[in-house]
Amino acid sequence: MDWIFVIVAGLLEVLSINYMNKWQLIKKFGLKKSSVLIVKMCLAFGGSLVLLNLALDTLPMSITYAVWSGIGSVGGVAVSIIKYGESANWRRLFCIFLILFSVVGLKLVS
């Protein structure tokens, strides 16, 4: 159950990063600011941290944080490539692979 907390916390992190990017786009183009978006972003960040805290009750911090931040990093880049049209060149994809490889490697050697 604790690993489910970590995975969901990582996915909430990706969601909150998406909300943060939407907020930046609203500010950039001078559109009407949405307080609902800020509330959603805060709830997603808060939920992510609460679930991470619950997982840390039984899982080691080093692996748990690596998995959580890896999900957030890779998910954030994936969302930016898919949804916002950012570059998906081979160097960027290679770095994403290195993050995934490192997180899996940490889990395997622990």
N, C-alpha and C. Protein backbone atom coordinates (compact mmCIF):
# COMPACT_ATOMS: atom_id res chain seq x y z
N MET A 1 0.82 -1.20 0.00
CA MET A 1 0.00 0.00 0.00
C MET A 1 0.87 1.26 0.00
N ASP A 2 2.03 1.18 0.67
CA ASP A 2 2.89 2.36 0.77
C ASP A 2 3.44 2.78 -0.59
N TRP A 3 3.74 1.79 -1.45
CA TRP A 3 4.24 2.13 -2.78
C TRP A 3 3.13 2.76 -3.63
N ILE A 4 1.91 2.38 -3.37
CA ILE A 4 0.78 3.03 -4.07
C ILE A 4 0.72 4.50 -3.66
N PHE A 5 0.95 4.78 -2.36
CA PHE A 5 1.00 6.17 -1.90
C PHE A 5 2.08 6.96 -2.66
N VAL A 6 3.25 6.35 -2.84
CA VAL A 6 4.35 7.03 -3.52
C VAL A 6 3.99 7.30 -4.98
N ILE A 7 3.41 6.31 -5.64
CA ILE A 7 3.05 6.47 -7.06
C ILE A 7 1.98 7.55 -7.23
N VAL A 8 0.95 7.49 -6.40
CA VAL A 8 -0.12 8.51 -6.50
C VAL A 8 0.44 9.89 -6.13
N ALA A 9 1.33 9.94 -5.15
CA ALA A 9 1.96 11.22 -4.79
C ALA A 9 2.76 11.77 -5.96
N GLY A 10 3.46 10.91 -6.67
CA GLY A 10 4.21 11.35 -7.85
C GLY A 10 3.29 11.84 -8.95
N LEU A 11 2.18 11.15 -9.15
CA LEU A 11 1.22 11.58 -10.17
C LEU A 11 0.57 12.91 -9.80
N LEU A 12 0.30 13.12 -8.51
CA LEU A 12 -0.23 14.41 -8.07
C LEU A 12 0.81 15.52 -8.28
N GLU A 13 2.06 15.18 -8.13
CA GLU A 13 3.14 16.14 -8.39
C GLU A 13 3.12 16.56 -9.86
N VAL A 14 2.94 15.59 -10.75
CA VAL A 14 2.85 15.90 -12.19
C VAL A 14 1.63 16.79 -12.45
N LEU A 15 0.52 16.47 -11.83
CA LEU A 15 -0.70 17.27 -12.01
C LEU A 15 -0.48 18.71 -11.53
N SER A 16 0.18 18.85 -10.39
CA SER A 16 0.42 20.20 -9.88
C SER A 16 1.39 20.97 -10.76
N ILE A 17 2.37 20.29 -11.35
CA ILE A 17 3.28 20.95 -12.29
C ILE A 17 2.50 21.43 -13.51
N ASN A 18 1.55 20.62 -13.97
CA ASN A 18 0.70 21.01 -15.09
C ASN A 18 -0.11 22.26 -14.74
N TYR A 19 -0.68 22.29 -13.55
CA TYR A 19 -1.44 23.48 -13.12
C TYR A 19 -0.52 24.70 -13.04
N MET A 20 0.71 24.49 -12.57
CA MET A 20 1.64 25.59 -12.48
C MET A 20 1.96 26.15 -13.86
N ASN A 21 2.12 25.28 -14.85
CA ASN A 21 2.38 25.73 -16.21
C ASN A 21 1.18 26.48 -16.78
N LYS A 22 -0.03 25.98 -16.51
CA LYS A 22 -1.23 26.69 -16.96
C LYS A 22 -1.29 28.08 -16.35
N TRP A 23 -0.94 28.18 -15.07
CA TRP A 23 -0.96 29.47 -14.39
C TRP A 23 0.04 30.43 -15.04
N GLN A 24 1.22 29.93 -15.39
CA GLN A 24 2.22 30.76 -16.05
C GLN A 24 1.73 31.24 -17.42
N LEU A 25 1.04 30.36 -18.15
CA LEU A 25 0.49 30.77 -19.44
C LEU A 25 -0.58 31.85 -19.28
N ILE A 26 -1.40 31.73 -18.25
CA ILE A 26 -2.42 32.75 -17.98
C ILE A 26 -1.75 34.09 -17.69
N LYS A 27 -0.71 34.07 -16.87
CA LYS A 27 0.00 35.30 -16.55
C LYS A 27 0.71 35.88 -17.78
N LYS A 28 1.29 35.01 -18.59
CA LYS A 28 2.06 35.46 -19.76
C LYS A 28 1.19 36.18 -20.78
N PHE A 29 0.01 35.64 -21.02
CA PHE A 29 -0.85 36.21 -22.04
C PHE A 29 -1.88 37.19 -21.48
N GLY A 30 -1.78 37.50 -20.20
CA GLY A 30 -2.65 38.50 -19.60
C GLY A 30 -4.11 38.10 -19.55
N LEU A 31 -4.36 36.82 -19.51
CA LEU A 31 -5.75 36.35 -19.43
C LEU A 31 -6.26 36.53 -18.01
N LYS A 32 -7.55 36.36 -17.85
CA LYS A 32 -8.15 36.47 -16.53
C LYS A 32 -7.55 35.42 -15.61
N LYS A 33 -7.09 35.85 -14.46
CA LYS A 33 -6.48 34.92 -13.51
C LYS A 33 -7.56 34.08 -12.85
N SER A 34 -7.27 32.83 -12.69
CA SER A 34 -8.25 31.91 -12.13
C SER A 34 -7.81 31.47 -10.74
N SER A 35 -8.57 31.88 -9.73
CA SER A 35 -8.26 31.45 -8.37
C SER A 35 -8.55 29.96 -8.19
N VAL A 36 -9.45 29.43 -8.99
CA VAL A 36 -9.75 27.99 -8.91
C VAL A 36 -8.51 27.19 -9.30
N LEU A 37 -7.77 27.67 -10.28
CA LEU A 37 -6.55 26.99 -10.71
C LEU A 37 -5.51 26.97 -9.59
N ILE A 38 -5.40 28.06 -8.87
CA ILE A 38 -4.44 28.12 -7.75
C ILE A 38 -4.86 27.14 -6.66
N VAL A 39 -6.14 27.07 -6.38
CA VAL A 39 -6.64 26.15 -5.36
C VAL A 39 -6.35 24.70 -5.78
N LYS A 40 -6.61 24.38 -7.05
CA LYS A 40 -6.32 23.03 -7.55
C LYS A 40 -4.84 22.71 -7.42
N MET A 41 -3.99 23.67 -7.77
CA MET A 41 -2.55 23.46 -7.69
C MET A 41 -2.11 23.21 -6.24
N CYS A 42 -2.63 24.00 -5.33
CA CYS A 42 -2.28 23.83 -3.91
C CYS A 42 -2.78 22.50 -3.37
N LEU A 43 -3.98 22.11 -3.76
CA LEU A 43 -4.51 20.82 -3.31
C LEU A 43 -3.69 19.65 -3.86
N ALA A 44 -3.27 19.76 -5.12
CA ALA A 44 -2.46 18.69 -5.72
C ALA A 44 -1.10 18.60 -5.03
N PHE A 45 -0.44 19.75 -4.82
CA PHE A 45 0.84 19.75 -4.11
C PHE A 45 0.67 19.22 -2.68
N GLY A 46 -0.37 19.69 -2.00
CA GLY A 46 -0.62 19.25 -0.63
C GLY A 46 -0.90 17.77 -0.55
N GLY A 47 -1.75 17.27 -1.45
CA GLY A 47 -2.04 15.84 -1.48
C GLY A 47 -0.81 15.02 -1.76
N SER A 48 0.04 15.51 -2.64
CA SER A 48 1.28 14.81 -2.95
C SER A 48 2.17 14.70 -1.71
N LEU A 49 2.30 15.80 -0.99
CA LEU A 49 3.15 15.79 0.21
C LEU A 49 2.56 14.94 1.33
N VAL A 50 1.24 14.96 1.48
CA VAL A 50 0.60 14.13 2.51
C VAL A 50 0.83 12.65 2.21
N LEU A 51 0.63 12.25 0.96
CA LEU A 51 0.84 10.85 0.60
C LEU A 51 2.30 10.44 0.72
N LEU A 52 3.20 11.35 0.35
CA LEU A 52 4.63 11.06 0.52
C LEU A 52 4.95 10.87 2.00
N ASN A 53 4.39 11.70 2.85
CA ASN A 53 4.60 11.58 4.29
C ASN A 53 4.08 10.24 4.81
N LEU A 54 2.91 9.82 4.35
CA LEU A 54 2.36 8.54 4.77
C LEU A 54 3.26 7.39 4.35
N ALA A 55 3.80 7.46 3.15
CA ALA A 55 4.68 6.41 2.67
C ALA A 55 5.98 6.36 3.46
N LEU A 56 6.45 7.52 3.90
CA LEU A 56 7.71 7.57 4.64
C LEU A 56 7.60 6.97 6.04
N ASP A 57 6.38 6.68 6.49
CA ASP A 57 6.23 6.02 7.79
C ASP A 57 6.85 4.63 7.79
N THR A 58 6.85 3.96 6.64
CA THR A 58 7.38 2.59 6.60
C THR A 58 8.47 2.38 5.55
N LEU A 59 8.55 3.23 4.55
CA LEU A 59 9.56 3.04 3.50
C LEU A 59 10.78 3.91 3.78
N PRO A 60 11.96 3.46 3.31
CA PRO A 60 13.16 4.28 3.51
C PRO A 60 13.10 5.58 2.70
N MET A 61 13.55 6.65 3.31
CA MET A 61 13.45 7.97 2.70
C MET A 61 14.22 8.06 1.39
N SER A 62 15.40 7.48 1.33
CA SER A 62 16.24 7.62 0.13
C SER A 62 15.56 7.08 -1.11
N ILE A 63 15.00 5.90 -1.03
CA ILE A 63 14.35 5.29 -2.20
C ILE A 63 13.01 5.97 -2.46
N THR A 64 12.26 6.23 -1.42
CA THR A 64 10.94 6.84 -1.57
C THR A 64 11.03 8.20 -2.26
N TYR A 65 11.96 9.02 -1.79
CA TYR A 65 12.10 10.34 -2.39
C TYR A 65 12.59 10.24 -3.83
N ALA A 66 13.49 9.31 -4.11
CA ALA A 66 13.99 9.14 -5.48
C ALA A 66 12.87 8.74 -6.42
N VAL A 67 12.01 7.82 -5.99
CA VAL A 67 10.90 7.39 -6.84
C VAL A 67 9.92 8.53 -7.03
N TRP A 68 9.58 9.23 -5.96
CA TRP A 68 8.63 10.34 -6.02
C TRP A 68 9.14 11.45 -6.95
N SER A 69 10.39 11.85 -6.75
CA SER A 69 10.93 12.92 -7.59
C SER A 69 11.15 12.44 -9.03
N GLY A 70 11.46 11.16 -9.21
CA GLY A 70 11.60 10.62 -10.56
C GLY A 70 10.28 10.64 -11.31
N ILE A 71 9.21 10.24 -10.64
CA ILE A 71 7.88 10.29 -11.26
C ILE A 71 7.54 11.74 -11.62
N GLY A 72 7.80 12.65 -10.70
CA GLY A 72 7.52 14.06 -10.95
C GLY A 72 8.34 14.63 -12.10
N SER A 73 9.63 14.28 -12.14
CA SER A 73 10.50 14.79 -13.19
C SER A 73 10.14 14.24 -14.56
N VAL A 74 10.05 12.93 -14.64
CA VAL A 74 9.74 12.30 -15.93
C VAL A 74 8.33 12.66 -16.37
N GLY A 75 7.39 12.65 -15.45
CA GLY A 75 6.01 13.02 -15.78
C GLY A 75 5.88 14.46 -16.22
N GLY A 76 6.62 15.36 -15.56
CA GLY A 76 6.59 16.76 -15.94
C GLY A 76 7.13 16.99 -17.35
N VAL A 77 8.22 16.30 -17.66
CA VAL A 77 8.78 16.43 -19.01
C VAL A 77 7.83 15.81 -20.03
N ALA A 78 7.25 14.66 -19.70
CA ALA A 78 6.32 14.01 -20.63
C ALA A 78 5.11 14.89 -20.91
N VAL A 79 4.56 15.51 -19.87
CA VAL A 79 3.41 16.41 -20.07
C VAL A 79 3.81 17.61 -20.91
N SER A 80 5.00 18.15 -20.66
CA SER A 80 5.42 19.32 -21.43
C SER A 80 5.65 18.98 -22.90
N ILE A 81 6.11 17.77 -23.18
CA ILE A 81 6.32 17.35 -24.57
C ILE A 81 4.98 17.09 -25.24
N ILE A 82 4.12 16.33 -24.57
CA ILE A 82 2.86 15.92 -25.18
C ILE A 82 1.86 17.07 -25.26
N LYS A 83 1.69 17.79 -24.15
CA LYS A 83 0.62 18.78 -24.08
C LYS A 83 1.03 20.16 -24.56
N TYR A 84 2.29 20.54 -24.31
CA TYR A 84 2.70 21.90 -24.61
C TYR A 84 3.70 22.00 -25.77
N GLY A 85 3.96 20.88 -26.43
CA GLY A 85 4.77 20.90 -27.64
C GLY A 85 6.23 21.23 -27.46
N GLU A 86 6.80 20.96 -26.28
CA GLU A 86 8.22 21.21 -26.09
C GLU A 86 9.05 20.17 -26.84
N SER A 87 10.30 20.47 -27.01
CA SER A 87 11.20 19.63 -27.79
C SER A 87 11.33 18.22 -27.20
N ALA A 88 11.37 17.24 -28.10
CA ALA A 88 11.57 15.84 -27.70
C ALA A 88 12.78 15.27 -28.42
N ASN A 89 13.88 16.01 -28.40
CA ASN A 89 15.07 15.54 -29.10
C ASN A 89 15.71 14.37 -28.36
N TRP A 90 16.66 13.72 -28.98
CA TRP A 90 17.22 12.49 -28.43
C TRP A 90 17.99 12.76 -27.14
N ARG A 91 18.60 13.93 -27.00
CA ARG A 91 19.34 14.23 -25.77
C ARG A 91 18.41 14.32 -24.57
N ARG A 92 17.31 14.95 -24.79
CA ARG A 92 16.31 15.08 -23.72
C ARG A 92 15.73 13.73 -23.34
N LEU A 93 15.39 12.92 -24.32
CA LEU A 93 14.86 11.58 -24.06
C LEU A 93 15.90 10.69 -23.39
N PHE A 94 17.16 10.86 -23.76
CA PHE A 94 18.24 10.10 -23.12
C PHE A 94 18.35 10.46 -21.64
N CYS A 95 18.23 11.74 -21.33
CA CYS A 95 18.29 12.16 -19.93
C CYS A 95 17.11 11.61 -19.12
N ILE A 96 15.93 11.55 -19.74
CA ILE A 96 14.78 10.95 -19.08
C ILE A 96 15.06 9.47 -18.80
N PHE A 97 15.65 8.80 -19.78
CA PHE A 97 16.02 7.40 -19.60
C PHE A 97 17.00 7.25 -18.43
N LEU A 98 17.96 8.16 -18.32
CA LEU A 98 18.92 8.09 -17.21
C LEU A 98 18.23 8.25 -15.86
N ILE A 99 17.24 9.12 -15.78
CA ILE A 99 16.50 9.28 -14.53
C ILE A 99 15.79 7.98 -14.19
N LEU A 100 15.08 7.41 -15.16
CA LEU A 100 14.38 6.15 -14.92
C LEU A 100 15.34 5.04 -14.53
N PHE A 101 16.45 4.94 -15.24
CA PHE A 101 17.46 3.92 -14.96
C PHE A 101 18.02 4.08 -13.54
N SER A 102 18.27 5.31 -13.15
CA SER A 102 18.81 5.57 -11.81
C SER A 102 17.83 5.21 -10.70
N VAL A 103 16.57 5.55 -10.88
CA VAL A 103 15.57 5.24 -9.86
C VAL A 103 15.40 3.74 -9.73
N VAL A 104 15.30 3.05 -10.85
CA VAL A 104 15.18 1.59 -10.80
C VAL A 104 16.43 0.97 -10.20
N GLY A 105 17.59 1.50 -10.57
CA GLY A 105 18.84 1.00 -10.01
C GLY A 105 18.91 1.18 -8.50
N LEU A 106 18.48 2.31 -8.00
CA LEU A 106 18.47 2.52 -6.54
C LEU A 106 17.56 1.52 -5.84
N LYS A 107 16.42 1.27 -6.45
CA LYS A 107 15.47 0.31 -5.86
C LYS A 107 16.06 -1.10 -5.85
N LEU A 108 16.75 -1.47 -6.92
CA LEU A 108 17.31 -2.82 -7.02
C LEU A 108 18.46 -3.07 -6.05
N VAL A 109 19.26 -2.06 -5.80
CA VAL A 109 20.43 -2.26 -4.91
C VAL A 109 20.08 -2.04 -3.45
N SER A 110 18.89 -1.61 -3.15
CA SER A 110 18.52 -1.37 -1.74
C SER A 110 17.92 -2.60 -1.11
